[in-house]
Amino acid sequence: MDKSTEWAPSLWLDIFDELVYDDNELDNEDQWTLTFNYSQTDKLTAKERRDGWKITCQHVNGRFQCSSCSRTWSSARVVVVFRYRLRGGRGTVIMRPFRQMCRQCDSDRFNLPGFSDNAVEESLLRLFSKILKNCYGVEEDSDDNSEKNSNKYTSKPHEVSLCEACSQGICKQVEECV
């Protein structure tokens, strides 16, 4: 499964639940849920901010398969946007993975990414670090910062014209997205 190119929300849900409820990564009794929204952006309205929503964006290692020609490729710059808030003992996380187009065929279709178990777990642990800081007041370990930026040095050149997040002005701002 580590080389999967198929978008699998259940993988994210299973690992999320395992980390929250079995491993107690958020170290609390609050109920947390993960859902998906494939149209959310990296912007919050004033009302959303007042309602307690926070946002974080990440680059995650993923794999794609073209829905037209079946070509596969890897990317260390798959953009994932998470919105989250804690309210009345209930935490909500809303996730959006961004898509990429194939450079081999003429299809102008964006393809959803697949992720390995390890990539999902690393991404969720980075998210939980943000949740701990912004919802519970627990500061991040300084070691986490080097992990967050490790993809910068291992990725191939990024093809801006094939990236959905770039077309929306999000990809280049991932490091700044708080």
Protein backbone atom coordinates (compact mmCIF):
# COMPACT_ATOMS: atom_id res chain seq x y z
CA MET A 1 0.00 0.00 0.00
CA ASP A 2 2.95 2.36 0.44
CA LYS A 3 3.05 3.06 -3.30
CA SER A 4 -0.70 3.63 -3.59
CA THR A 5 -1.88 6.16 -6.13
CA GLU A 6 -5.55 5.89 -5.17
CA TRP A 7 -7.17 8.60 -3.04
CA ALA A 8 -8.30 6.80 0.12
CA PRO A 9 -10.16 8.96 2.66
CA SER A 10 -10.57 5.86 4.85
CA LEU A 11 -6.78 5.69 5.29
CA TRP A 12 -6.77 9.24 6.69
CA LEU A 13 -9.80 8.51 8.90
CA ASP A 14 -8.33 5.27 10.28
CA ILE A 15 -4.92 6.78 11.09
CA PHE A 16 -6.55 9.93 12.52
CA ASP A 17 -8.71 7.83 14.87
CA GLU A 18 -5.77 5.61 15.82
CA LEU A 19 -3.59 8.60 16.69
CA VAL A 20 -6.33 10.49 18.57
CA TYR A 21 -8.00 7.64 20.43
CA ASP A 22 -5.48 4.76 20.65
CA ASP A 23 -2.22 6.71 20.92
CA ASN A 24 -3.80 9.76 22.64
CA GLU A 25 -1.61 12.16 20.63
CA LEU A 26 -3.75 15.16 21.62
CA ASP A 27 -3.51 14.15 25.30
CA ASN A 28 -7.08 15.11 26.24
CA GLU A 29 -10.63 13.82 26.59
CA ASP A 30 -12.12 15.93 23.78
CA GLN A 31 -13.90 14.26 20.86
CA TRP A 32 -12.20 14.94 17.50
CA THR A 33 -13.55 14.19 14.02
CA LEU A 34 -12.02 14.42 10.54
CA THR A 35 -14.08 15.24 7.45
CA PHE A 36 -13.25 16.22 3.86
CA ASN A 37 -14.18 19.26 1.78
CA TYR A 38 -12.80 19.32 -1.76
CA SER A 39 -13.51 23.01 -2.37
CA GLN A 40 -12.17 24.70 0.76
CA THR A 41 -9.38 27.24 0.36
CA ASP A 42 -6.56 28.46 2.58
CA LYS A 43 -8.51 31.59 3.55
CA LEU A 44 -10.75 32.12 6.57
CA THR A 45 -13.47 34.77 6.72
CA ALA A 46 -13.70 37.13 9.70
CA LYS A 47 -16.75 35.17 10.89
CA GLU A 48 -14.90 31.85 10.65
CA ARG A 49 -12.04 33.33 12.70
CA ARG A 50 -14.52 34.59 15.32
CA ASP A 51 -16.05 31.12 15.39
CA GLY A 52 -12.64 29.73 16.36
CA TRP A 53 -11.48 28.21 13.06
CA LYS A 54 -7.76 27.92 12.40
CA ILE A 55 -6.02 26.77 9.24
CA THR A 56 -2.76 25.07 8.40
CA CYS A 57 -1.30 23.95 5.06
CA GLN A 58 1.36 21.33 4.39
CA HIS A 59 3.37 19.71 1.64
CA VAL A 60 2.98 15.93 1.89
CA ASN A 61 4.65 13.12 -0.07
CA GLY A 62 2.10 11.51 -2.38
CA ARG A 63 1.60 9.59 -5.61
CA PHE A 64 -0.71 10.20 -8.52
CA GLN A 65 -2.14 8.17 -11.37
CA CYS A 66 -3.52 9.91 -14.44
CA SER A 67 -7.17 9.06 -14.98
CA SER A 68 -6.67 9.33 -18.77
CA CYS A 69 -3.36 7.63 -19.64
CA SER A 70 -2.66 5.74 -16.35
CA ARG A 71 0.82 7.27 -15.96
CA THR A 72 1.97 7.42 -12.32
CA TRP A 73 4.25 9.92 -10.62
CA SER A 74 5.41 10.91 -7.15
CA SER A 75 5.36 14.36 -5.63
CA ALA A 76 6.86 15.69 -2.41
CA ARG A 77 4.73 18.82 -2.85
CA VAL A 78 1.17 17.57 -2.56
CA VAL A 79 -0.65 20.40 -0.82
CA VAL A 80 -3.05 19.52 1.96
CA VAL A 81 -5.14 22.18 3.74
CA PHE A 82 -6.60 21.54 7.19
CA ARG A 83 -9.20 23.71 8.95
CA TYR A 84 -9.71 22.93 12.60
CA ARG A 85 -11.36 24.19 15.76
CA LEU A 86 -12.19 23.04 19.27
CA ARG A 87 -15.54 24.06 20.66
CA GLY A 88 -17.31 22.73 23.74
CA GLY A 89 -15.17 19.61 24.01
CA ARG A 90 -15.66 18.74 20.34
CA GLY A 91 -12.86 19.16 17.84
CA THR A 92 -13.43 19.29 14.11
CA VAL A 93 -10.82 18.94 11.37
CA ILE A 94 -11.75 19.52 7.71
CA MET A 95 -9.17 18.41 5.16
CA ARG A 96 -8.65 19.09 1.49
CA PRO A 97 -5.98 17.40 -0.63
CA PHE A 98 -5.05 19.33 -3.77
CA ARG A 99 -4.74 17.64 -7.14
CA GLN A 100 -2.19 17.61 -9.96
CA MET A 101 -2.44 17.13 -13.73
CA CYS A 102 -0.46 14.69 -15.84
CA ARG A 103 2.34 16.19 -17.94
CA GLN A 104 2.44 13.26 -20.36
CA CYS A 105 -1.02 13.38 -21.94
CA ASP A 106 -3.23 16.22 -23.12
CA SER A 107 -5.83 15.66 -20.44
CA ASP A 108 -6.62 18.77 -18.48
CA ARG A 109 -8.07 16.73 -15.60
CA PHE A 110 -6.71 17.13 -12.11
CA ASN A 111 -6.03 13.84 -10.28
CA LEU A 112 -6.37 13.23 -6.55
CA PRO A 113 -3.27 11.91 -4.75
CA GLY A 114 -2.68 8.65 -2.94
CA PHE A 115 -0.56 8.54 0.21
CA SER A 116 1.43 5.95 2.13
CA ASP A 117 0.54 5.15 5.73
CA ASN A 118 3.76 6.86 6.85
CA ALA A 119 3.05 10.05 4.89
CA VAL A 120 -0.45 10.25 6.40
CA GLU A 121 0.84 9.68 9.93
CA GLU A 122 3.61 12.31 9.55
CA SER A 123 1.11 14.83 8.16
CA LEU A 124 -1.39 14.22 10.96
CA LEU A 125 1.31 14.49 13.61
CA ARG A 126 2.29 17.90 12.19
CA LEU A 127 -1.41 18.87 12.28
CA PHE A 128 -1.70 17.69 15.90
CA SER A 129 1.30 19.82 16.80
CA LYS A 130 -0.63 22.86 15.49
CA ILE A 131 -3.80 21.78 17.31
CA LEU A 132 -1.90 21.35 20.58
CA LYS A 133 -0.41 24.83 20.20
CA ASN A 134 -3.51 26.70 18.99
CA CYS A 135 -6.28 24.87 20.87
CA TYR A 136 -4.53 23.77 24.06
CA GLY A 137 -1.63 26.24 24.44
CA VAL A 138 1.07 23.56 24.22
CA GLU A 139 4.17 24.81 22.39
CA GLU A 140 5.72 22.82 19.56
CA ASP A 141 9.03 21.05 20.00
CA SER A 142 11.78 22.82 18.05
CA ASP A 143 12.68 19.48 16.41
CA ASP A 144 9.39 19.58 14.48
CA ASN A 145 10.47 22.57 12.40
CA SER A 146 13.27 20.66 10.66
CA GLU A 147 10.83 17.87 9.75
CA LYS A 148 8.30 20.34 8.34
CA ASN A 149 10.78 21.75 5.86
CA SER A 150 12.51 18.50 4.90
CA ASN A 151 10.51 18.16 1.64
CA LYS A 152 12.08 21.35 0.32
CA TYR A 153 15.41 19.60 -0.13
CA THR A 154 14.24 16.24 -1.43
CA SER A 155 11.68 17.20 -4.06
CA LYS A 156 12.16 17.44 -7.80
CA PRO A 157 11.42 20.74 -9.53
CA HIS A 158 7.77 21.64 -9.07
CA GLU A 159 5.66 22.03 -12.22
CA VAL A 160 3.51 25.03 -11.34
CA SER A 161 1.26 24.71 -14.41
CA LEU A 162 0.18 21.19 -13.35
CA CYS A 163 -0.57 21.98 -9.70
CA GLU A 164 -4.13 22.83 -8.59
CA ALA A 165 -2.86 24.57 -5.45
CA CYS A 166 -0.51 26.74 -7.54
CA SER A 167 -3.40 27.73 -9.81
CA GLN A 168 -5.17 29.03 -6.70
CA GLY A 169 -2.07 30.77 -5.32
CA ILE A 170 -1.82 28.39 -2.35
CA CYS A 171 1.19 26.17 -3.07
CA LYS A 172 3.88 28.84 -2.85
CA GLN A 173 2.44 30.05 0.43
CA VAL A 174 2.35 26.70 2.26
CA GLU A 175 5.21 27.57 4.59
CA GLU A 176 3.42 30.83 5.50
CA CYS A 177 -0.06 29.30 5.90
CA VAL A 178 -0.91 29.39 9.59
